[in-house]
Amino acid sequence: LVTTGGFVGAAYGIVLNIDSPSQALSTVWILATAYASLEYIEGRLGRRSWPLLVLLAGTAMGSKLSSGAVMVAALAIAVAVGAILRTTWWRRAVVAAALVGGA
């Protein structure tokens, strides 16, 4: 609940809380960025889709900068896990982390 609703969502069990529009809107942008990042890492989005990832990450970080730190940390963990396990997608995770971090 903390990742989808923030502190208010965790405290009161509300995922998209209407008392904080900025929190609700940043949640939507973060979920869209997370989905696009996973699709990029899995290779379902083409290599030319990186502007979409940068645009979504920039919008999510523009709505709440503290949410951007969470996204960058999550992608850094994905890079570390992929590199340790020597998966085929860890290089795409590095690119996604660089794009989101750069945004």
PDB file of N, CA and C in Angstrom:
ATOM      1  N   LEU A   1       0.814  -1.210   0.000  1.00  0.00           N
ATOM      2  CA  LEU A   1       0.000   0.000   0.000  1.00  0.00           C
ATOM      3  C   LEU A   1       0.849   1.262   0.000  1.00  0.00           C
ATOM      4  N   VAL A   2       2.044   1.192   0.551  1.00  0.00           N
ATOM      5  CA  VAL A   2       2.890   2.387   0.558  1.00  0.00           C
ATOM      6  C   VAL A   2       3.268   2.762  -0.866  1.00  0.00           C
ATOM      7  N   THR A   3       3.557   1.777  -1.715  1.00  0.00           N
ATOM      8  CA  THR A   3       3.971   2.085  -3.081  1.00  0.00           C
ATOM      9  C   THR A   3       2.816   2.550  -3.946  1.00  0.00           C
ATOM     10  N   THR A   4       1.588   2.132  -3.654  1.00  0.00           N
ATOM     11  CA  THR A   4       0.474   2.554  -4.493  1.00  0.00           C
ATOM     12  C   THR A   4      -0.291   3.733  -3.928  1.00  0.00           C
ATOM     13  N   GLY A   5      -0.316   3.884  -2.627  1.00  0.00           N
ATOM     14  CA  GLY A   5      -1.100   4.957  -2.051  1.00  0.00           C
ATOM     15  C   GLY A   5      -0.338   5.914  -1.192  1.00  0.00           C
ATOM     16  N   GLY A   6       0.974   5.717  -1.042  1.00  0.00           N
ATOM     17  CA  GLY A   6       1.753   6.601  -0.193  1.00  0.00           C
ATOM     18  C   GLY A   6       1.427   6.411   1.274  1.00  0.00           C
ATOM     19  N   PHE A   7       1.807   7.372   2.086  1.00  0.00           N
ATOM     20  CA  PHE A   7       1.574   7.269   3.523  1.00  0.00           C
ATOM     21  C   PHE A   7       0.085   7.240   3.846  1.00  0.00           C
ATOM     22  N   VAL A   8      -0.683   8.097   3.153  1.00  0.00           N
ATOM     23  CA  VAL A   8      -2.123   8.140   3.413  1.00  0.00           C
ATOM     24  C   VAL A   8      -2.768   6.804   3.041  1.00  0.00           C
ATOM     25  N   GLY A   9      -2.336   6.221   1.911  1.00  0.00           N
ATOM     26  CA  GLY A   9      -2.885   4.932   1.497  1.00  0.00           C
ATOM     27  C   GLY A   9      -2.522   3.825   2.459  1.00  0.00           C
ATOM     28  N   ALA A  10      -1.313   3.894   3.008  1.00  0.00           N
ATOM     29  CA  ALA A  10      -0.906   2.868   3.968  1.00  0.00           C
ATOM     30  C   ALA A  10      -1.611   3.052   5.308  1.00  0.00           C
ATOM     31  N   ALA A  11      -1.822   4.307   5.690  1.00  0.00           N
ATOM     32  CA  ALA A  11      -2.439   4.555   6.990  1.00  0.00           C
ATOM     33  C   ALA A  11      -3.940   4.302   6.973  1.00  0.00           C
ATOM     34  N   TYR A  12      -4.582   4.622   5.861  1.00  0.00           N
ATOM     35  CA  TYR A  12      -6.038   4.531   5.829  1.00  0.00           C
ATOM     36  C   TYR A  12      -6.561   3.482   4.851  1.00  0.00           C
ATOM     37  N   GLY A  13      -5.664   2.806   4.125  1.00  0.00           N
ATOM     38  CA  GLY A  13      -6.099   1.752   3.225  1.00  0.00           C
ATOM     39  C   GLY A  13      -6.718   2.245   1.931  1.00  0.00           C
ATOM     40  N   ILE A  14      -6.453   3.466   1.550  1.00  0.00           N
ATOM     41  CA  ILE A  14      -7.018   4.034   0.319  1.00  0.00           C
ATOM     42  C   ILE A  14      -5.921   4.034  -0.741  1.00  0.00           C
ATOM     43  N   VAL A  15      -6.183   3.390  -1.875  1.00  0.00           N
ATOM     44  CA  VAL A  15      -5.153   3.308  -2.899  1.00  0.00           C
ATOM     45  C   VAL A  15      -5.055   4.626  -3.670  1.00  0.00           C
ATOM     46  N   LEU A  16      -6.133   5.085  -4.259  1.00  0.00           N
ATOM     47  CA  LEU A  16      -6.128   6.382  -4.934  1.00  0.00           C
ATOM     48  C   LEU A  16      -6.973   7.334  -4.091  1.00  0.00           C
ATOM     49  N   ASN A  17      -6.322   8.020  -3.195  1.00  0.00           N
ATOM     50  CA  ASN A  17      -7.043   8.881  -2.255  1.00  0.00           C
ATOM     51  C   ASN A  17      -7.449  10.183  -2.924  1.00  0.00           C
ATOM     52  N   ILE A  18      -8.684  10.602  -2.697  1.00  0.00           N
ATOM     53  CA  ILE A  18      -9.179  11.807  -3.353  1.00  0.00           C
ATOM     54  C   ILE A  18      -8.890  13.060  -2.535  1.00  0.00           C
ATOM     55  N   ASP A  19      -8.393  12.911  -1.321  1.00  0.00           N
ATOM     56  CA  ASP A  19      -8.093  14.100  -0.525  1.00  0.00           C
ATOM     57  C   ASP A  19      -6.749  14.700  -0.894  1.00  0.00           C
ATOM     58  N   SER A  20      -5.937  13.989  -1.632  1.00  0.00           N
ATOM     59  CA  SER A  20      -4.648  14.506  -2.078  1.00  0.00           C
ATOM     60  C   SER A  20      -4.527  14.280  -3.584  1.00  0.00           C
ATOM     61  N   PRO A  21      -4.965  15.230  -4.398  1.00  0.00           N
ATOM     62  CA  PRO A  21      -4.909  15.043  -5.853  1.00  0.00           C
ATOM     63  C   PRO A  21      -3.499  14.850  -6.384  1.00  0.00           C
ATOM     64  N   SER A  22      -2.533  15.521  -5.786  1.00  0.00           N
ATOM     65  CA  SER A  22      -1.162  15.357  -6.274  1.00  0.00           C
ATOM     66  C   SER A  22      -0.656  13.952  -6.013  1.00  0.00           C
ATOM     67  N   GLN A  23      -1.012  13.375  -4.881  1.00  0.00           N
ATOM     68  CA  GLN A  23      -0.618  11.998  -4.577  1.00  0.00           C
ATOM     69  C   GLN A  23      -1.289  11.018  -5.534  1.00  0.00           C
ATOM     70  N   ALA A  24      -2.573  11.243  -5.810  1.00  0.00           N
ATOM     71  CA  ALA A  24      -3.298  10.358  -6.709  1.00  0.00           C
ATOM     72  C   ALA A  24      -2.729  10.426  -8.116  1.00  0.00           C
ATOM     73  N   LEU A  25      -2.449  11.629  -8.587  1.00  0.00           N
ATOM     74  CA  LEU A  25      -1.924  11.780  -9.935  1.00  0.00           C
ATOM     75  C   LEU A  25      -0.504  11.240 -10.045  1.00  0.00           C
ATOM     76  N   SER A  26       0.321  11.466  -9.054  1.00  0.00           N
ATOM     77  CA  SER A  26       1.676  10.921  -9.103  1.00  0.00           C
ATOM     78  C   SER A  26       1.649   9.396  -9.048  1.00  0.00           C
ATOM     79  N   THR A  27       0.671   8.821  -8.348  1.00  0.00           N
ATOM     80  CA  THR A  27       0.536   7.370  -8.313  1.00  0.00           C
ATOM     81  C   THR A  27       0.243   6.822  -9.700  1.00  0.00           C
ATOM     82  N   VAL A  28      -0.618   7.486 -10.426  1.00  0.00           N
ATOM     83  CA  VAL A  28      -0.941   7.056 -11.786  1.00  0.00           C
ATOM     84  C   VAL A  28       0.291   7.134 -12.682  1.00  0.00           C
ATOM     85  N   TRP A  29       1.053   8.219 -12.594  1.00  0.00           N
ATOM     86  CA  TRP A  29       2.254   8.355 -13.420  1.00  0.00           C
ATOM     87  C   TRP A  29       3.327   7.345 -13.039  1.00  0.00           C
ATOM     88  N   ILE A  30       3.456   7.064 -11.747  1.00  0.00           N
ATOM     89  CA  ILE A  30       4.444   6.071 -11.305  1.00  0.00           C
ATOM     90  C   ILE A  30       4.074   4.683 -11.809  1.00  0.00           C
ATOM     91  N   LEU A  31       2.800   4.340 -11.725  1.00  0.00           N
ATOM     92  CA  LEU A  31       2.363   3.034 -12.225  1.00  0.00           C
ATOM     93  C   LEU A  31       2.594   2.919 -13.726  1.00  0.00           C
ATOM     94  N   ALA A  32       2.338   3.992 -14.470  1.00  0.00           N
ATOM     95  CA  ALA A  32       2.581   3.976 -15.914  1.00  0.00           C
ATOM     96  C   ALA A  32       4.067   3.839 -16.215  1.00  0.00           C
ATOM     97  N   THR A  33       4.902   4.525 -15.447  1.00  0.00           N
ATOM     98  CA  THR A  33       6.349   4.430 -15.647  1.00  0.00           C
ATOM     99  C   THR A  33       6.861   3.037 -15.281  1.00  0.00           C
ATOM    100  N   ALA A  34       6.336   2.477 -14.207  1.00  0.00           N
ATOM    101  CA  ALA A  34       6.744   1.125 -13.811  1.00  0.00           C
ATOM    102  C   ALA A  34       6.359   0.112 -14.881  1.00  0.00           C
ATOM    103  N   TYR A  35       5.162   0.238 -15.429  1.00  0.00           N
ATOM    104  CA  TYR A  35       4.717  -0.682 -16.477  1.00  0.00           C
ATOM    105  C   TYR A  35       5.583  -0.541 -17.723  1.00  0.00           C
ATOM    106  N   ALA A  36       5.848   0.698 -18.137  1.00  0.00           N
ATOM    107  CA  ALA A  36       6.682   0.922 -19.316  1.00  0.00           C
ATOM    108  C   ALA A  36       8.107   0.427 -19.081  1.00  0.00           C
ATOM    109  N   SER A  37       8.624   0.600 -17.864  1.00  0.00           N
ATOM    110  CA  SER A  37       9.976   0.122 -17.554  1.00  0.00           C
ATOM    111  C   SER A  37      10.050  -1.395 -17.649  1.00  0.00           C
ATOM    112  N   LEU A  38       9.051  -2.073 -17.111  1.00  0.00           N
ATOM    113  CA  LEU A  38       9.040  -3.535 -17.194  1.00  0.00           C
ATOM    114  C   LEU A  38       8.919  -4.023 -18.631  1.00  0.00           C
ATOM    115  N   GLU A  39       8.081  -3.363 -19.410  1.00  0.00           N
ATOM    116  CA  GLU A  39       7.943  -3.741 -20.814  1.00  0.00           C
ATOM    117  C   GLU A  39       9.255  -3.500 -21.570  1.00  0.00           C
ATOM    118  N   TYR A  40       9.947  -2.422 -21.250  1.00  0.00           N
ATOM    119  CA  TYR A  40      11.228  -2.125 -21.888  1.00  0.00           C
ATOM    120  C   TYR A  40      12.278  -3.158 -21.499  1.00  0.00           C
ATOM    121  N   ILE A  41      12.319  -3.503 -20.221  1.00  0.00           N
ATOM    122  CA  ILE A  41      13.309  -4.468 -19.748  1.00  0.00           C
ATOM    123  C   ILE A  41      13.055  -5.849 -20.344  1.00  0.00           C
ATOM    124  N   GLU A  42      11.797  -6.228 -20.461  1.00  0.00           N
ATOM    125  CA  GLU A  42      11.473  -7.533 -21.032  1.00  0.00           C
ATOM    126  C   GLU A  42      11.647  -7.571 -22.544  1.00  0.00           C
ATOM    127  N   GLY A  43      11.833  -6.426 -23.166  1.00  0.00           N
ATOM    128  CA  GLY A  43      12.076  -6.376 -24.597  1.00  0.00           C
ATOM    129  C   GLY A  43      10.813  -6.294 -25.438  1.00  0.00           C
ATOM    130  N   ARG A  44       9.677  -6.092 -24.806  1.00  0.00           N
ATOM    131  CA  ARG A  44       8.422  -5.990 -25.559  1.00  0.00           C
ATOM    132  C   ARG A  44       8.284  -4.647 -26.253  1.00  0.00           C
ATOM    133  N   LEU A  45       8.870  -3.623 -25.666  1.00  0.00           N
ATOM    134  CA  LEU A  45       8.932  -2.331 -26.331  1.00  0.00           C
ATOM    135  C   LEU A  45      10.222  -2.299 -27.130  1.00  0.00           C
ATOM    136  N   GLY A  46      10.174  -1.738 -28.288  1.00  0.00           N
ATOM    137  CA  GLY A  46      11.359  -1.707 -29.130  1.00  0.00           C
ATOM    138  C   GLY A  46      12.429  -0.769 -28.585  1.00  0.00           C
ATOM    139  N   ARG A  47      13.572  -0.811 -29.228  1.00  0.00           N
ATOM    140  CA  ARG A  47      14.679   0.045 -28.786  1.00  0.00           C
ATOM    141  C   ARG A  47      14.382   1.518 -29.008  1.00  0.00           C
ATOM    142  N   ARG A  48      13.487   1.797 -29.933  1.00  0.00           N
ATOM    143  CA  ARG A  48      13.157   3.193 -30.226  1.00  0.00           C
ATOM    144  C   ARG A  48      12.089   3.742 -29.298  1.00  0.00           C
ATOM    145  N   SER A  49      11.692   2.982 -28.306  1.00  0.00           N
ATOM    146  CA  SER A  49      10.650   3.444 -27.386  1.00  0.00           C
ATOM    147  C   SER A  49      11.228   4.187 -26.185  1.00  0.00           C
ATOM    148  N   TRP A  50      12.522   4.439 -26.165  1.00  0.00           N
ATOM    149  CA  TRP A  50      13.119   5.109 -25.016  1.00  0.00           C
ATOM    150  C   TRP A  50      12.563   6.511 -24.777  1.00  0.00           C
ATOM    151  N   PRO A  51      12.130   7.271 -25.808  1.00  0.00           N
ATOM    152  CA  PRO A  51      11.533   8.579 -25.485  1.00  0.00           C
ATOM    153  C   PRO A  51      10.264   8.451 -24.638  1.00  0.00           C
ATOM    154  N   LEU A  52       9.494   7.399 -24.854  1.00  0.00           N
ATOM    155  CA  LEU A  52       8.304   7.187 -24.037  1.00  0.00           C
ATOM    156  C   LEU A  52       8.676   6.982 -22.576  1.00  0.00           C
ATOM    157  N   LEU A  53       9.702   6.201 -22.335  1.00  0.00           N
ATOM    158  CA  LEU A  53      10.150   5.950 -20.966  1.00  0.00           C
ATOM    159  C   LEU A  53      10.655   7.230 -20.306  1.00  0.00           C
ATOM    160  N   VAL A  54      11.397   8.035 -21.040  1.00  0.00           N
ATOM    161  CA  VAL A  54      11.899   9.308 -20.504  1.00  0.00           C
ATOM    162  C   VAL A  54      10.743  10.266 -20.225  1.00  0.00           C
ATOM    163  N   LEU A  55       9.774  10.311 -21.136  1.00  0.00           N
ATOM    164  CA  LEU A  55       8.626  11.194 -20.945  1.00  0.00           C
ATOM    165  C   LEU A  55       7.807  10.792 -19.718  1.00  0.00           C
ATOM    166  N   LEU A  56       7.532   9.505 -19.564  1.00  0.00           N
ATOM    167  CA  LEU A  56       6.772   9.038 -18.405  1.00  0.00           C
ATOM    168  C   LEU A  56       7.531   9.277 -17.104  1.00  0.00           C
ATOM    169  N   ALA A  57       8.822   8.993 -17.109  1.00  0.00           N
ATOM    170  CA  ALA A  57       9.616   9.198 -15.897  1.00  0.00           C
ATOM    171  C   ALA A  57       9.702  10.672 -15.551  1.00  0.00           C
ATOM    172  N   GLY A  58       9.866  11.518 -16.550  1.00  0.00           N
ATOM    173  CA  GLY A  58       9.913  12.955 -16.295  1.00  0.00           C
ATOM    174  C   GLY A  58       8.604  13.480 -15.745  1.00  0.00           C
ATOM    175  N   THR A  59       7.497  12.955 -16.252  1.00  0.00           N
ATOM    176  CA  THR A  59       6.195  13.369 -15.754  1.00  0.00           C
ATOM    177  C   THR A  59       5.981  12.885 -14.332  1.00  0.00           C
ATOM    178  N   ALA A  60       6.371  11.647 -14.057  1.00  0.00           N
ATOM    179  CA  ALA A  60       6.216  11.106 -12.699  1.00  0.00           C
ATOM    180  C   ALA A  60       7.075  11.876 -11.709  1.00  0.00           C
ATOM    181  N   MET A  61       8.300  12.193 -12.096  1.00  0.00           N
ATOM    182  CA  MET A  61       9.169  12.936 -11.187  1.00  0.00           C
ATOM    183  C   MET A  61       8.747  14.392 -11.082  1.00  0.00           C
ATOM    184  N   GLY A  62       8.103  14.909 -12.121  1.00  0.00           N
ATOM    185  CA  GLY A  62       7.610  16.273 -12.064  1.00  0.00           C
ATOM    186  C   GLY A  62       6.427  16.413 -11.118  1.00  0.00           C
ATOM    187  N   SER A  63       5.671  15.336 -10.975  1.00  0.00           N
ATOM    188  CA  SER A  63       4.528  15.414 -10.078  1.00  0.00           C
ATOM    189  C   SER A  63       4.951  15.295  -8.619  1.00  0.00           C
ATOM    190  N   LYS A  64       5.882  14.411  -8.338  1.00  0.00           N
ATOM    191  CA  LYS A  64       6.446  14.296  -6.979  1.00  0.00           C
ATOM    192  C   LYS A  64       7.864  13.778  -7.106  1.00  0.00           C
ATOM    193  N   LEU A  65       8.819  14.600  -6.740  1.00  0.00           N
ATOM    194  CA  LEU A  65      10.217  14.225  -6.888  1.00  0.00           C
ATOM    195  C   LEU A  65      10.599  13.070  -5.972  1.00  0.00           C
ATOM    196  N   SER A  66       9.974  12.985  -4.812  1.00  0.00           N
ATOM    197  CA  SER A  66      10.297  11.883  -3.899  1.00  0.00           C
ATOM    198  C   SER A  66       9.915  10.542  -4.497  1.00  0.00           C
ATOM    199  N   SER A  67       8.933  10.528  -5.385  1.00  0.00           N
ATOM    200  CA  SER A  67       8.562   9.284  -6.052  1.00  0.00           C
ATOM    201  C   SER A  67       9.627   8.855  -7.046  1.00  0.00           C
ATOM    202  N   GLY A  68      10.316   9.818  -7.606  1.00  0.00           N
ATOM    203  CA  GLY A  68      11.374   9.504  -8.556  1.00  0.00           C
ATOM    204  C   GLY A  68      12.514   8.745  -7.919  1.00  0.00           C
ATOM    205  N   ALA A  69      12.831   9.085  -6.696  1.00  0.00           N
ATOM    206  CA  ALA A  69      13.896   8.359  -5.992  1.00  0.00           C
ATOM    207  C   ALA A  69      13.526   6.894  -5.794  1.00  0.00           C
ATOM    208  N   VAL A  70      12.256   6.642  -5.542  1.00  0.00           N
ATOM    209  CA  VAL A  70      11.796   5.264  -5.381  1.00  0.00           C
ATOM    210  C   VAL A  70      11.916   4.507  -6.692  1.00  0.00           C
ATOM    211  N   MET A  71      11.564   5.152  -7.811  1.00  0.00           N
ATOM    212  CA  MET A  71      11.672   4.489  -9.116  1.00  0.00           C
ATOM    213  C   MET A  71      13.112   4.178  -9.470  1.00  0.00           C
ATOM    214  N   VAL A  72      14.000   5.118  -9.230  1.00  0.00           N
ATOM    215  CA  VAL A  72      15.416   4.901  -9.543  1.00  0.00           C
ATOM    216  C   VAL A  72      15.989   3.783  -8.675  1.00  0.00           C
ATOM    217  N   ALA A  73      15.627   3.763  -7.404  1.00  0.00           N
ATOM    218  CA  ALA A  73      16.110   2.700  -6.512  1.00  0.00           C
ATOM    219  C   ALA A  73      15.578   1.339  -6.936  1.00  0.00           C
ATOM    220  N   ALA A  74      14.320   1.279  -7.350  1.00  0.00           N
ATOM    221  CA  ALA A  74      13.749   0.007  -7.792  1.00  0.00           C
ATOM    222  C   ALA A  74      14.454  -0.510  -9.040  1.00  0.00           C
ATOM    223  N   LEU A  75      14.747   0.375  -9.971  1.00  0.00           N
ATOM    224  CA  LEU A  75      15.454  -0.053 -11.170  1.00  0.00           C
ATOM    225  C   LEU A  75      16.905  -0.426 -10.864  1.00  0.00           C
ATOM    226  N   ALA A  76      17.516   0.241  -9.901  1.00  0.00           N
ATOM    227  CA  ALA A  76      18.876  -0.133  -9.499  1.00  0.00           C
ATOM    228  C   ALA A  76      18.892  -1.540  -8.892  1.00  0.00           C
ATOM    229  N   ILE A  77      17.864  -1.865  -8.124  1.00  0.00           N
ATOM    230  CA  ILE A  77      17.764  -3.223  -7.573  1.00  0.00           C
ATOM    231  C   ILE A  77      17.565  -4.234  -8.699  1.00  0.00           C
ATOM    232  N   ALA A  78      16.758  -3.882  -9.696  1.00  0.00           N
ATOM    233  CA  ALA A  78      16.559  -4.775 -10.838  1.00  0.00           C
ATOM    234  C   ALA A  78      17.863  -5.006 -11.589  1.00  0.00           C
ATOM    235  N   VAL A  79      18.662  -3.944 -11.738  1.00  0.00           N
ATOM    236  CA  VAL A  79      19.967  -4.087 -12.395  1.00  0.00           C
ATOM    237  C   VAL A  79      20.873  -5.015 -11.586  1.00  0.00           C
ATOM    238  N   ALA A  80      20.905  -4.818 -10.278  1.00  0.00           N
ATOM    239  CA  ALA A  80      21.764  -5.650  -9.428  1.00  0.00           C
ATOM    240  C   ALA A  80      21.340  -7.107  -9.467  1.00  0.00           C
ATOM    241  N   VAL A  81      20.051  -7.363  -9.378  1.00  0.00           N
ATOM    242  CA  VAL A  81      19.568  -8.749  -9.418  1.00  0.00           C
ATOM    243  C   VAL A  81      19.864  -9.379 -10.773  1.00  0.00           C
ATOM    244  N   GLY A  82      19.611  -8.633 -11.840  1.00  0.00           N
ATOM    245  CA  GLY A  82      19.890  -9.153 -13.177  1.00  0.00           C
ATOM    246  C   GLY A  82      21.364  -9.431 -13.407  1.00  0.00           C
ATOM    247  N   ALA A  83      22.222  -8.564 -12.905  1.00  0.00           N
ATOM    248  CA  ALA A  83      23.667  -8.771 -13.074  1.00  0.00           C
ATOM    249  C   ALA A  83      24.164  -9.943 -12.245  1.00  0.00           C
ATOM    250  N   ILE A  84      23.654 -10.077 -11.027  1.00  0.00           N
ATOM    251  CA  ILE A  84      24.082 -11.193 -10.173  1.00  0.00           C
ATOM    252  C   ILE A  84      23.637 -12.527 -10.760  1.00  0.00           C
ATOM    253  N   LEU A  85      22.396 -12.582 -11.248  1.00  0.00           N
ATOM    254  CA  LEU A  85      21.866 -13.821 -11.813  1.00  0.00           C
ATOM    255  C   LEU A  85      22.275 -14.047 -13.258  1.00  0.00           C
ATOM    256  N   ARG A  86      22.942 -13.057 -13.836  1.00  0.00           N
ATOM    257  CA  ARG A  86      23.409 -13.107 -15.224  1.00  0.00           C
ATOM    258  C   ARG A  86      22.272 -13.423 -16.190  1.00  0.00           C
ATOM    259  N   THR A  87      21.223 -12.647 -16.057  1.00  0.00           N
ATOM    260  CA  THR A  87      20.071 -12.809 -16.931  1.00  0.00           C
ATOM    261  C   THR A  87      20.317 -12.148 -18.278  1.00  0.00           C
ATOM    262  N   THR A  88      19.432 -12.420 -19.215  1.00  0.00           N
ATOM    263  CA  THR A  88      19.587 -11.832 -20.549  1.00  0.00           C
ATOM    264  C   THR A  88      19.114 -10.389 -20.608  1.00  0.00           C
ATOM    265  N   TRP A  89      18.360  -9.946 -19.621  1.00  0.00           N
ATOM    266  CA  TRP A  89      17.760  -8.620 -19.673  1.00  0.00           C
ATOM    267  C   TRP A  89      18.476  -7.577 -18.830  1.00  0.00           C
ATOM    268  N   TRP A  90      19.572  -7.904 -18.187  1.00  0.00           N
ATOM    269  CA  TRP A  90      20.173  -6.946 -17.258  1.00  0.00           C
ATOM    270  C   TRP A  90      20.721  -5.714 -17.966  1.00  0.00           C
ATOM    271  N   ARG A  91      21.155  -5.855 -19.223  1.00  0.00           N
ATOM    272  CA  ARG A  91      21.651  -4.677 -19.944  1.00  0.00           C
ATOM    273  C   ARG A  91      20.517  -3.710 -20.275  1.00  0.00           C
ATOM    274  N   ARG A  92      19.351  -4.263 -20.621  1.00  0.00           N
ATOM    275  CA  ARG A  92      18.190  -3.397 -20.848  1.00  0.00           C
ATOM    276  C   ARG A  92      17.764  -2.721 -19.553  1.00  0.00           C
ATOM    277  N   ALA A  93      17.957  -3.403 -18.429  1.00  0.00           N
ATOM    278  CA  ALA A  93      17.641  -2.785 -17.129  1.00  0.00           C
ATOM    279  C   ALA A  93      18.589  -1.635 -16.828  1.00  0.00           C
ATOM    280  N   VAL A  94      19.842  -1.755 -17.230  1.00  0.00           N
ATOM    281  CA  VAL A  94      20.804  -0.669 -17.057  1.00  0.00           C
ATOM    282  C   VAL A  94      20.371   0.542 -17.875  1.00  0.00           C
ATOM    283  N   VAL A  95      19.956   0.295 -19.107  1.00  0.00           N
ATOM    284  CA  VAL A  95      19.494   1.396 -19.964  1.00  0.00           C
ATOM    285  C   VAL A  95      18.248   2.045 -19.377  1.00  0.00           C
ATOM    286  N   ALA A  96      17.300   1.232 -18.910  1.00  0.00           N
ATOM    287  CA  ALA A  96      16.079   1.773 -18.324  1.00  0.00           C
ATOM    288  C   ALA A  96      16.396   2.584 -17.070  1.00  0.00           C
ATOM    289  N   ALA A  97      17.295   2.096 -16.239  1.00  0.00           N
ATOM    290  CA  ALA A  97      17.669   2.831 -15.029  1.00  0.00           C
ATOM    291  C   ALA A  97      18.353   4.150 -15.384  1.00  0.00           C
ATOM    292  N   ALA A  98      19.178   4.138 -16.404  1.00  0.00           N
ATOM    293  CA  ALA A  98      19.843   5.366 -16.837  1.00  0.00           C
ATOM    294  C   ALA A  98      18.841   6.378 -17.394  1.00  0.00           C
ATOM    295  N   LEU A  99      17.874   5.884 -18.151  1.00  0.00           N
ATOM    296  CA  LEU A  99      16.866   6.788 -18.727  1.00  0.00           C
ATOM    297  C   LEU A  99      15.978   7.389 -17.641  1.00  0.00           C
ATOM    298  N   VAL A 100      15.518   6.550 -16.722  1.00  0.00           N
ATOM    299  CA  VAL A 100      14.658   7.051 -15.645  1.00  0.00           C
ATOM    300  C   VAL A 100      15.444   7.953 -14.701  1.00  0.00           C
ATOM    301  N   GLY A 101      16.671   7.565 -14.391  1.00  0.00           N
ATOM    302  CA  GLY A 101      17.505   8.399 -13.528  1.00  0.00           C
ATOM    303  C   GLY A 101      17.855   9.730 -14.179  1.00  0.00           C
ATOM    304  N   GLY A 102      18.071   9.704 -15.480  1.00  0.00           N
ATOM    305  CA  GLY A 102      18.369  10.933 -16.206  1.00  0.00           C
ATOM    306  C   GLY A 102      17.188  11.886 -16.281  1.00  0.00           C
ATOM    307  N   ALA A 103      16.002  11.308 -16.294  1.00  0.00           N
ATOM    308  CA  ALA A 103      14.796  12.146 -16.359  1.00  0.00           C
ATOM    309  C   ALA A 103      14.639  12.921 -15.071  1.00  0.00           C
TER     310      ALA A 103
END
